[in-house]
Amino acid sequence: MYLRWAERHRFKTEVVDQQEGEQAGIKSATVEIDGRAAYGWMRAERGVHRLVRISPFDSQKRRQTTFALVEVLPEAGDDIEIELNWDEIRVDTFRSQGAGGQHVNKTDSAVRLTHLPTNVVAQSQNERSQTQNKEMAIRVLKARLLERALEEQEAEVRKLKGEHVEAGWGNQIRSYVLHPYQMVKDLRTAHETGNTQAVLDGDLDAFMQAELERLATGGGLAGVPVDDDTDEA
């Protein structure tokens, strides 16, 4: 969905890391998006996204609910000083997973960096060499540490303003319902559409715009309830 959104805006994208699911699909992925105000737009997508559908991986065709956590990190540019103390970073190497070229699964080219004081983890396995993967992992780690620092600053500002840090009933921000009806609804802004296919194909601007306007005007959460039937996940 986000790759197609970036394509619509002619933004450059790169899949930095991708972990396959144990049975099917993708367990997690890290994508770099490079374009004008890309972070400003994408930060409206941070949070838990809920999908309700007839799973294509279930032979009994049951309705299932799944969740995806979206994290949005700003890239730490050369003009931003993020100092890494390598005495506090554990470096692990392992073999890349998935289909690939000649060296995949033959050399320990993938790199995982763990910042021990914060337990922040960054990894890369899609580059051809260990050196390239380490460089990419360093960029991701710096971005995660920068985002952590920004979140701490935002939390302090919210505390000073007397606002609640979390919504009272949970962190879910949007529901994508494909069965038994078609509806995508944002719980923060109450913006919704029945054209689910367009949204999953990257048509997200209206949702992003509504959330950015809510943040800019200091508006509260819409607090719209959704269908929370107990489904198999």
Protein backbone atom coordinates (compact mmCIF):
# COMPACT_ATOMS: atom_id res chain seq x y z
CA MET A 1 0.00 0.00 0.00
CA TYR A 2 2.73 2.47 0.95
CA LEU A 3 4.91 1.53 -2.01
CA ARG A 4 1.99 2.30 -4.30
CA TRP A 5 1.35 5.58 -2.43
CA ALA A 6 4.98 6.58 -2.97
CA GLU A 7 4.74 5.58 -6.63
CA ARG A 8 1.72 7.88 -7.06
CA HIS A 9 3.85 10.78 -5.75
CA ARG A 10 6.91 9.75 -7.77
CA PHE A 11 8.90 9.21 -4.59
CA LYS A 12 11.93 6.95 -4.64
CA THR A 13 11.57 3.79 -2.54
CA GLU A 14 13.90 1.02 -1.41
CA VAL A 15 13.07 -2.11 0.58
CA VAL A 16 15.83 -2.08 3.20
CA ASP A 17 14.81 -5.25 5.04
CA GLN A 18 12.07 -7.85 4.70
CA GLN A 19 11.21 -10.82 6.91
CA GLU A 20 9.02 -13.56 5.46
CA GLY A 21 6.14 -14.92 7.52
CA GLU A 22 6.40 -18.40 8.99
CA GLN A 23 3.60 -19.73 6.78
CA ALA A 24 2.81 -17.01 4.24
CA GLY A 25 3.06 -13.30 3.63
CA ILE A 26 5.50 -10.84 5.20
CA LYS A 27 6.23 -10.70 8.92
CA SER A 28 7.94 -7.30 8.83
CA ALA A 29 9.51 -4.90 6.37
CA THR A 30 11.56 -1.71 6.44
CA VAL A 31 11.08 0.64 3.49
CA GLU A 32 12.97 3.85 2.76
CA ILE A 33 10.89 6.57 1.06
CA ASP A 34 12.70 9.56 -0.41
CA GLY A 35 10.66 12.53 -1.58
CA ARG A 36 9.57 16.06 -0.78
CA ALA A 37 7.93 16.19 2.69
CA ALA A 38 7.77 12.38 2.73
CA TYR A 39 8.21 12.20 6.51
CA GLY A 40 5.68 14.97 7.07
CA TRP A 41 3.03 13.03 5.16
CA MET A 42 3.93 9.56 6.40
CA ARG A 43 4.01 10.46 10.10
CA ALA A 44 0.19 10.64 9.89
CA GLU A 45 0.24 6.86 9.34
CA ARG A 46 1.99 5.92 12.60
CA GLY A 47 0.02 3.45 14.67
CA VAL A 48 -1.88 0.18 14.58
CA HIS A 49 -3.85 -0.69 11.44
CA ARG A 50 -6.63 -3.31 11.59
CA LEU A 51 -7.62 -5.47 8.63
CA VAL A 52 -10.80 -7.58 8.48
CA ARG A 53 -11.12 -9.95 5.54
CA ILE A 54 -11.67 -13.48 4.29
CA SER A 55 -8.13 -14.81 4.54
CA PRO A 56 -6.75 -16.23 1.26
CA PHE A 57 -4.61 -18.56 3.40
CA ASP A 58 -7.56 -20.18 5.20
CA SER A 59 -9.03 -23.20 3.40
CA GLN A 60 -12.29 -22.78 5.38
CA LYS A 61 -12.71 -19.19 4.12
CA ARG A 62 -13.33 -17.73 7.58
CA ARG A 63 -13.36 -14.02 8.34
CA GLN A 64 -10.15 -13.06 10.11
CA THR A 65 -8.81 -9.95 11.80
CA THR A 66 -5.13 -9.07 11.63
CA PHE A 67 -3.12 -6.08 12.83
CA ALA A 68 -0.07 -4.26 11.48
CA LEU A 69 2.05 -1.72 13.35
CA VAL A 70 3.36 1.13 11.20
CA GLU A 71 6.42 3.01 12.47
CA VAL A 72 7.65 6.12 10.64
CA LEU A 73 11.22 7.27 11.20
CA PRO A 74 12.95 10.41 9.89
CA GLU A 75 16.29 9.80 8.25
CA ALA A 76 19.17 11.27 10.21
CA GLY A 77 20.85 13.48 7.61
CA ASP A 78 24.46 14.57 7.57
CA ASP A 79 23.47 17.88 9.19
CA ILE A 80 22.03 16.06 12.24
CA GLU A 81 24.54 14.74 14.76
CA ILE A 82 23.61 11.28 16.05
CA GLU A 83 26.67 9.95 17.87
CA LEU A 84 26.97 6.18 18.11
CA ASN A 85 29.01 4.72 20.94
CA TRP A 86 30.12 1.36 19.59
CA ASP A 87 30.83 0.14 23.13
CA GLU A 88 27.04 0.22 23.58
CA ILE A 89 26.16 -1.50 20.30
CA ARG A 90 26.09 -5.25 19.70
CA VAL A 91 26.80 -6.29 16.12
CA ASP A 92 25.39 -9.61 14.92
CA THR A 93 25.84 -11.11 11.47
CA PHE A 94 23.71 -13.85 9.96
CA ARG A 95 22.77 -15.34 6.64
CA SER A 96 20.24 -13.53 4.50
CA GLN A 97 16.87 -15.20 4.00
CA GLY A 98 14.65 -15.55 0.98
CA ALA A 99 15.20 -15.89 -2.74
CA GLY A 100 18.14 -14.02 -4.14
CA GLY A 101 21.40 -14.11 -5.96
CA GLN A 102 24.45 -16.28 -5.86
CA HIS A 103 25.60 -15.38 -2.33
CA VAL A 104 22.23 -15.55 -0.51
CA ASN A 105 22.28 -18.12 2.30
CA LYS A 106 26.00 -18.81 1.66
CA THR A 107 27.69 -16.00 3.59
CA ASP A 108 26.88 -14.11 6.79
CA SER A 109 26.20 -10.87 4.91
CA ALA A 110 23.14 -9.70 6.89
CA VAL A 111 23.79 -7.35 9.82
CA ARG A 112 21.79 -6.63 12.96
CA LEU A 113 22.71 -3.75 15.30
CA THR A 114 21.35 -3.58 18.85
CA HIS A 115 21.70 -0.37 20.87
CA LEU A 116 22.04 -1.90 24.33
CA PRO A 117 20.98 1.08 26.53
CA THR A 118 17.64 1.43 24.71
CA ASN A 119 17.30 -2.03 23.14
CA VAL A 120 16.66 -0.35 19.79
CA VAL A 121 17.35 -2.79 16.94
CA ALA A 122 18.12 -2.16 13.26
CA GLN A 123 19.04 -4.68 10.62
CA SER A 124 19.64 -4.98 6.90
CA GLN A 125 19.97 -8.04 4.69
CA ASN A 126 19.00 -6.91 1.18
CA GLU A 127 22.38 -5.48 0.13
CA ARG A 128 24.98 -7.61 -1.60
CA SER A 129 27.78 -7.34 0.95
CA GLN A 130 28.13 -7.25 4.73
CA THR A 131 29.71 -3.79 4.50
CA GLN A 132 26.73 -2.40 2.57
CA ASN A 133 24.29 -4.03 4.96
CA LYS A 134 26.15 -2.57 7.95
CA GLU A 135 26.06 0.92 6.43
CA MET A 136 22.32 0.60 5.82
CA ALA A 137 21.74 -0.77 9.35
CA ILE A 138 23.65 2.19 10.81
CA ARG A 139 21.37 4.58 8.91
CA VAL A 140 18.27 2.81 10.21
CA LEU A 141 19.64 2.73 13.77
CA LYS A 142 20.37 6.46 13.68
CA ALA A 143 16.86 7.09 12.36
CA ARG A 144 15.31 5.01 15.16
CA LEU A 145 17.37 6.80 17.81
CA LEU A 146 16.41 10.17 16.32
CA GLU A 147 12.73 9.20 16.33
CA ARG A 148 13.04 8.07 19.94
CA ALA A 149 14.51 11.44 20.91
CA LEU A 150 11.72 13.28 19.05
CA GLU A 151 9.05 11.16 20.75
CA GLU A 152 10.55 11.93 24.16
CA GLN A 153 10.44 15.64 23.34
CA GLU A 154 6.82 15.38 22.15
CA ALA A 155 5.85 13.46 25.29
CA GLU A 156 7.39 16.17 27.46
CA VAL A 157 5.46 18.86 25.56
CA ARG A 158 2.20 16.90 25.94
CA LYS A 159 2.92 16.51 29.64
CA LEU A 160 3.46 20.22 30.05
CA LYS A 161 0.23 20.93 28.13
CA GLY A 162 -1.69 18.50 30.31
CA GLU A 163 -2.74 16.25 27.43
CA HIS A 164 -3.06 12.49 27.60
CA VAL A 165 -0.23 10.60 25.96
CA GLU A 166 -2.43 7.71 24.81
CA ALA A 167 -6.02 7.36 23.72
CA GLY A 168 -8.08 5.82 26.48
CA TRP A 169 -9.41 2.80 24.60
CA GLY A 170 -6.36 1.73 22.61
CA ASN A 171 -3.85 2.60 19.91
CA GLN A 172 -5.74 1.50 16.80
CA ILE A 173 -5.95 4.31 14.28
CA ARG A 174 -7.69 2.82 11.23
CA SER A 175 -9.78 -0.17 10.19
CA TYR A 176 -9.85 -1.75 6.74
CA VAL A 177 -12.99 -3.90 6.52
CA LEU A 178 -13.24 -6.05 3.38
CA HIS A 179 -15.91 -8.44 4.68
CA PRO A 180 -18.88 -8.54 5.17
CA TYR A 181 -18.95 -4.96 3.79
CA GLN A 182 -16.38 -2.63 2.21
CA MET A 183 -15.18 0.25 4.40
CA VAL A 184 -11.97 1.98 5.42
CA LYS A 185 -12.43 4.21 8.46
CA ASP A 186 -9.93 6.33 10.38
CA LEU A 187 -10.79 6.39 14.08
CA ARG A 188 -8.91 9.62 14.78
CA THR A 189 -10.66 11.79 12.20
CA ALA A 190 -13.78 9.73 11.30
CA HIS A 191 -12.76 10.05 7.63
CA GLU A 192 -14.03 7.02 5.71
CA THR A 193 -14.54 5.58 2.24
CA GLY A 194 -16.14 2.53 0.72
CA ASN A 195 -13.53 2.30 -2.04
CA THR A 196 -11.26 -0.11 -0.19
CA GLN A 197 -9.40 -1.24 -3.29
CA ALA A 198 -8.26 2.31 -4.07
CA VAL A 199 -6.97 2.77 -0.52
CA LEU A 200 -5.05 -0.51 -0.55
CA ASP A 201 -3.67 0.58 -3.93
CA GLY A 202 -2.13 3.68 -2.31
CA ASP A 203 -4.90 6.29 -2.41
CA LEU A 204 -4.13 7.61 1.10
CA ASP A 205 -3.87 11.39 0.64
CA ALA A 206 -7.35 12.17 1.99
CA PHE A 207 -6.68 10.15 5.17
CA MET A 208 -3.27 11.76 5.65
CA GLN A 209 -4.65 15.26 5.02
CA ALA A 210 -7.47 14.76 7.53
CA GLU A 211 -5.08 13.61 10.26
CA LEU A 212 -2.55 16.39 9.61
CA GLU A 213 -5.36 18.96 9.77
CA ARG A 214 -6.55 17.43 13.05
CA LEU A 215 -3.05 17.72 14.51
CA ALA A 216 -2.57 21.26 13.19
CA THR A 217 -5.82 22.48 14.75
CA GLY A 218 -5.29 20.63 18.04
CA GLY A 219 -8.44 18.58 17.50
CA GLY A 220 -9.26 15.57 19.65
CA LEU A 221 -9.88 12.01 18.58
CA ALA A 222 -13.13 11.25 16.85
CA GLY A 223 -13.62 8.20 19.08
CA VAL A 224 -15.80 6.40 16.56
CA PRO A 225 -16.48 2.79 17.59
CA VAL A 226 -15.97 -0.02 15.09
CA ASP A 227 -17.15 -3.57 14.66
CA ASP A 228 -15.01 -5.49 17.14
CA ASP A 229 -16.50 -8.96 16.74
CA THR A 230 -14.14 -11.65 18.01
CA ASP A 231 -12.46 -13.14 14.94
CA GLU A 232 -9.79 -15.73 14.46
CA ALA A 233 -6.41 -14.17 13.88
